[in-house]
Amino acid sequence: MAQALAAEAFRRFDWQRPSVKLLTMHSAKGLEFPQVFVAGLQALPMKDVSLDDAAPLLYVAMTRAWAAESPS
């Protein structure tokens, strides 16, 4: 039930409204933001993910910003 409520809230979310958005690298694909902070870069690649699989995800995350990007 909680999963269904979360999915419904996600569909109704106003992405244009100014706010802080916390997303995974997977869910950021296709979206753009004025500024992006990529946290946890020191943890890449994760234990269960190869560098070959992590690199495209990192590229997606780092190209979501149209004004500024800040790796951390």
Protein backbone atom coordinates (compact mmCIF):
# COMPACT_ATOMS: atom_id res chain seq x y z
CA MET A 1 0.00 0.00 0.00
CA ALA A 2 2.79 2.46 0.89
CA GLN A 3 4.53 1.72 -2.42
CA ALA A 4 1.36 2.57 -4.34
CA LEU A 5 0.97 5.83 -2.44
CA ALA A 6 4.59 6.75 -3.16
CA ALA A 7 4.15 5.99 -6.86
CA GLU A 8 1.03 8.16 -7.01
CA ALA A 9 2.80 11.05 -5.24
CA PHE A 10 5.71 10.72 -7.69
CA ARG A 11 3.35 11.02 -10.67
CA ARG A 12 1.68 14.13 -9.21
CA PHE A 13 4.96 15.85 -8.23
CA ASP A 14 5.46 19.29 -9.82
CA TRP A 15 9.00 19.03 -11.24
CA GLN A 16 8.91 22.68 -12.36
CA ARG A 17 8.33 24.06 -8.86
CA PRO A 18 11.55 25.34 -7.23
CA SER A 19 12.56 22.82 -4.58
CA VAL A 20 15.32 20.44 -3.56
CA LYS A 21 14.96 17.10 -5.31
CA LEU A 22 16.78 14.00 -4.06
CA LEU A 23 17.05 11.40 -6.82
CA THR A 24 19.02 8.30 -7.61
CA MET A 25 21.24 8.31 -10.67
CA HIS A 26 18.80 5.88 -12.31
CA SER A 27 15.75 8.09 -11.78
CA ALA A 28 17.51 11.28 -12.97
CA LYS A 29 17.78 10.00 -16.53
CA GLY A 30 15.97 12.32 -18.93
CA LEU A 31 15.54 15.14 -16.40
CA GLU A 32 17.42 18.46 -16.27
CA PHE A 33 18.06 20.84 -13.39
CA PRO A 34 19.82 24.20 -13.02
CA GLN A 35 22.26 22.76 -10.47
CA VAL A 36 23.19 19.20 -9.56
CA PHE A 37 25.16 17.88 -6.59
CA VAL A 38 26.47 14.34 -7.02
CA ALA A 39 27.11 12.94 -3.56
CA GLY A 40 29.06 9.81 -2.70
CA LEU A 41 31.50 9.71 -5.60
CA GLN A 42 34.12 8.17 -3.32
CA ALA A 43 31.88 5.07 -3.10
CA LEU A 44 31.93 4.39 -6.86
CA PRO A 45 32.00 1.78 -8.13
CA MET A 46 29.83 0.06 -5.54
CA LYS A 47 30.76 -3.44 -4.44
CA ASP A 48 28.18 -5.18 -6.59
CA VAL A 49 28.63 -2.94 -9.68
CA SER A 50 31.56 -2.99 -12.09
CA LEU A 51 33.30 0.19 -13.21
CA ASP A 52 31.96 -0.44 -16.73
CA ASP A 53 28.39 -0.35 -15.36
CA ALA A 54 28.97 2.59 -12.99
CA ALA A 55 30.54 4.93 -15.58
CA PRO A 56 27.40 5.41 -17.72
CA LEU A 57 25.31 6.09 -14.59
CA LEU A 58 27.82 8.67 -13.42
CA TYR A 59 27.71 10.30 -16.85
CA VAL A 60 23.92 10.54 -16.63
CA ALA A 61 24.13 12.11 -13.16
CA MET A 62 26.80 14.63 -14.15
CA THR A 63 25.02 15.77 -17.31
CA ARG A 64 21.69 16.61 -15.65
CA ALA A 65 22.76 20.18 -14.80
CA TRP A 66 22.32 22.95 -17.34
CA ALA A 67 23.92 25.69 -15.22
CA ALA A 68 26.30 24.18 -12.66
CA GLU A 69 27.41 20.78 -11.41
CA SER A 70 29.14 20.06 -8.09
CA PRO A 71 30.67 16.66 -7.43
CA SER A 72 31.16 15.90 -3.74
